[in-house]
């Protein structure tokens, strides 16, 4: 059984036991979070499609890690004008492990 869940403005296809990275969520490592913005649930032949979400469906996931991604360098330059600007950005993330898909 799998589900398509929306969190942090992105959509993820997940199933039980799978680990995936999302935008940072509040919570400590080891705590359980519930994601209830489920767009689709599929499995062995039957598919439930939400309009836009499925009422009563939820995903329980355990927080495995909280961290920050590798640094991305943002460099801007205008030639012959003496303008250059360098910035760096590290995106915070949360790694989740799906424990249950309720639908």
C-alpha atoms as a PDB file:
ATOM      1  CA  UNK A   1       0.000   0.000   0.000  1.00  0.00           C
ATOM      2  CA  UNK A   2       1.339   3.431  -0.899  1.00  0.00           C
ATOM      3  CA  UNK A   3       0.201   7.025  -0.532  1.00  0.00           C
ATOM      4  CA  UNK A   4       0.981  10.409  -2.014  1.00  0.00           C
ATOM      5  CA  UNK A   5       1.371  12.971   0.749  1.00  0.00           C
ATOM      6  CA  UNK A   6       1.845  16.749   0.486  1.00  0.00           C
ATOM      7  CA  UNK A   7       4.073  18.540   2.992  1.00  0.00           C
ATOM      8  CA  UNK A   8       6.244  21.613   2.721  1.00  0.00           C
ATOM      9  CA  UNK A   9       4.798  22.465  -0.699  1.00  0.00           C
ATOM     10  CA  UNK A  10       6.053  19.214  -2.246  1.00  0.00           C
ATOM     11  CA  UNK A  11       4.472  15.816  -2.908  1.00  0.00           C
ATOM     12  CA  UNK A  12       6.025  12.473  -1.941  1.00  0.00           C
ATOM     13  CA  UNK A  13       5.099   8.883  -2.790  1.00  0.00           C
ATOM     14  CA  UNK A  14       5.614   6.831   0.362  1.00  0.00           C
ATOM     15  CA  UNK A  15       4.904   3.345   1.666  1.00  0.00           C
ATOM     16  CA  UNK A  16       5.326   1.614   5.023  1.00  0.00           C
ATOM     17  CA  UNK A  17       8.942   1.294   6.189  1.00  0.00           C
ATOM     18  CA  UNK A  18      10.261   3.848   3.707  1.00  0.00           C
ATOM     19  CA  UNK A  19      12.533   6.744   4.734  1.00  0.00           C
ATOM     20  CA  UNK A  20      12.362  10.136   3.033  1.00  0.00           C
ATOM     21  CA  UNK A  21      13.466  13.749   3.519  1.00  0.00           C
ATOM     22  CA  UNK A  22      10.996  16.650   3.887  1.00  0.00           C
ATOM     23  CA  UNK A  23      11.189  20.337   4.733  1.00  0.00           C
ATOM     24  CA  UNK A  24      11.894  20.883   8.430  1.00  0.00           C
ATOM     25  CA  UNK A  25       9.092  19.807  10.777  1.00  0.00           C
ATOM     26  CA  UNK A  26       8.846  20.620  14.470  1.00  0.00           C
ATOM     27  CA  UNK A  27       9.660  17.735  16.802  1.00  0.00           C
ATOM     28  CA  UNK A  28      12.487  15.841  18.438  1.00  0.00           C
ATOM     29  CA  UNK A  29      14.292  12.803  17.073  1.00  0.00           C
ATOM     30  CA  UNK A  30      12.292   9.688  17.951  1.00  0.00           C
ATOM     31  CA  UNK A  31       8.936  11.430  18.216  1.00  0.00           C
ATOM     32  CA  UNK A  32       5.981  10.528  16.006  1.00  0.00           C
ATOM     33  CA  UNK A  33       4.331  12.977  13.593  1.00  0.00           C
ATOM     34  CA  UNK A  34       1.062  12.594  11.713  1.00  0.00           C
ATOM     35  CA  UNK A  35       0.726  13.837   8.143  1.00  0.00           C
ATOM     36  CA  UNK A  36      -2.923  14.182   7.164  1.00  0.00           C
ATOM     37  CA  UNK A  37      -2.690  15.963   3.799  1.00  0.00           C
ATOM     38  CA  UNK A  38      -3.088  12.741   1.749  1.00  0.00           C
ATOM     39  CA  UNK A  39      -3.822  13.167  -1.969  1.00  0.00           C
ATOM     40  CA  UNK A  40      -3.985   9.530  -3.108  1.00  0.00           C
ATOM     41  CA  UNK A  41      -3.897   6.048  -1.604  1.00  0.00           C
ATOM     42  CA  UNK A  42      -3.163   3.058  -3.807  1.00  0.00           C
ATOM     43  CA  UNK A  43      -2.440  -0.581  -3.369  1.00  0.00           C
ATOM     44  CA  UNK A  44      -3.444  -3.858  -4.943  1.00  0.00           C
ATOM     45  CA  UNK A  45      -5.667  -2.626  -7.758  1.00  0.00           C
ATOM     46  CA  UNK A  46      -7.802  -0.162  -5.795  1.00  0.00           C
ATOM     47  CA  UNK A  47      -6.995   3.542  -5.813  1.00  0.00           C
ATOM     48  CA  UNK A  48      -8.608   6.243  -3.667  1.00  0.00           C
ATOM     49  CA  UNK A  49      -8.237   9.705  -5.150  1.00  0.00           C
ATOM     50  CA  UNK A  50      -8.909  12.770  -3.023  1.00  0.00           C
ATOM     51  CA  UNK A  51     -10.679  15.917  -4.137  1.00  0.00           C
ATOM     52  CA  UNK A  52      -8.256  17.509  -3.189  1.00  0.00           C
ATOM     53  CA  UNK A  53      -7.510  15.376  -0.093  1.00  0.00           C
ATOM     54  CA  UNK A  54      -8.879  12.147   1.367  1.00  0.00           C
ATOM     55  CA  UNK A  55     -10.889  12.719   4.533  1.00  0.00           C
ATOM     56  CA  UNK A  56      -9.829  10.526   7.440  1.00  0.00           C
ATOM     57  CA  UNK A  57      -6.594   9.341   5.816  1.00  0.00           C
ATOM     58  CA  UNK A  58      -3.291   9.897   7.607  1.00  0.00           C
ATOM     59  CA  UNK A  59       0.311   8.756   7.714  1.00  0.00           C
ATOM     60  CA  UNK A  60       2.174   8.133  10.958  1.00  0.00           C
ATOM     61  CA  UNK A  61       5.909   8.652  10.712  1.00  0.00           C
ATOM     62  CA  UNK A  62       8.809   8.628  13.164  1.00  0.00           C
ATOM     63  CA  UNK A  63      11.402  11.419  13.043  1.00  0.00           C
ATOM     64  CA  UNK A  64      14.763   9.769  12.350  1.00  0.00           C
ATOM     65  CA  UNK A  65      16.975  12.839  11.894  1.00  0.00           C
ATOM     66  CA  UNK A  66      16.905  16.633  11.968  1.00  0.00           C
ATOM     67  CA  UNK A  67      19.688  18.328  10.052  1.00  0.00           C
ATOM     68  CA  UNK A  68      20.861  20.718   7.394  1.00  0.00           C
ATOM     69  CA  UNK A  69      21.669  19.933   3.786  1.00  0.00           C
ATOM     70  CA  UNK A  70      24.919  20.675   1.959  1.00  0.00           C
ATOM     71  CA  UNK A  71      25.699  24.319   1.277  1.00  0.00           C
ATOM     72  CA  UNK A  72      24.503  25.793  -2.008  1.00  0.00           C
ATOM     73  CA  UNK A  73      26.515  28.751  -3.326  1.00  0.00           C
ATOM     74  CA  UNK A  74      24.578  31.609  -4.935  1.00  0.00           C
ATOM     75  CA  UNK A  75      26.885  33.831  -6.994  1.00  0.00           C
ATOM     76  CA  UNK A  76      25.752  36.891  -8.937  1.00  0.00           C
ATOM     77  CA  UNK A  77      27.947  38.954 -11.229  1.00  0.00           C
ATOM     78  CA  UNK A  78      27.499  41.732 -13.756  1.00  0.00           C
ATOM     79  CA  UNK A  79      30.426  41.902 -16.075  1.00  0.00           C
ATOM     80  CA  UNK A  80      32.356  45.133 -16.532  1.00  0.00           C
ATOM     81  CA  UNK A  81      30.406  46.828 -13.729  1.00  0.00           C
ATOM     82  CA  UNK A  82      32.445  45.716 -10.719  1.00  0.00           C
ATOM     83  CA  UNK A  83      29.416  44.013  -9.178  1.00  0.00           C
ATOM     84  CA  UNK A  84      29.607  40.593  -7.648  1.00  0.00           C
ATOM     85  CA  UNK A  85      27.728  39.059  -4.749  1.00  0.00           C
ATOM     86  CA  UNK A  86      28.262  35.688  -3.097  1.00  0.00           C
ATOM     87  CA  UNK A  87      25.810  34.042  -0.723  1.00  0.00           C
ATOM     88  CA  UNK A  88      25.454  30.582   0.754  1.00  0.00           C
ATOM     89  CA  UNK A  89      22.371  28.668   1.858  1.00  0.00           C
ATOM     90  CA  UNK A  90      21.841  25.467   3.850  1.00  0.00           C
ATOM     91  CA  UNK A  91      18.310  24.091   3.801  1.00  0.00           C
ATOM     92  CA  UNK A  92      17.088  22.469   7.039  1.00  0.00           C
ATOM     93  CA  UNK A  93      15.424  19.067   6.647  1.00  0.00           C
ATOM     94  CA  UNK A  94      13.694  16.317   8.603  1.00  0.00           C
ATOM     95  CA  UNK A  95      14.141  12.637   7.775  1.00  0.00           C
ATOM     96  CA  UNK A  96      11.014  10.567   8.375  1.00  0.00           C
ATOM     97  CA  UNK A  97      10.346   6.827   8.482  1.00  0.00           C
ATOM     98  CA  UNK A  98       6.777   5.775   7.714  1.00  0.00           C
ATOM     99  CA  UNK A  99       5.336   3.493  10.371  1.00  0.00           C
ATOM    100  CA  UNK A 100       1.683   3.291   9.262  1.00  0.00           C
ATOM    101  CA  UNK A 101      -0.552   4.298   6.348  1.00  0.00           C
ATOM    102  CA  UNK A 102      -4.173   4.729   7.457  1.00  0.00           C
ATOM    103  CA  UNK A 103      -6.793   5.121   4.782  1.00  0.00           C
END
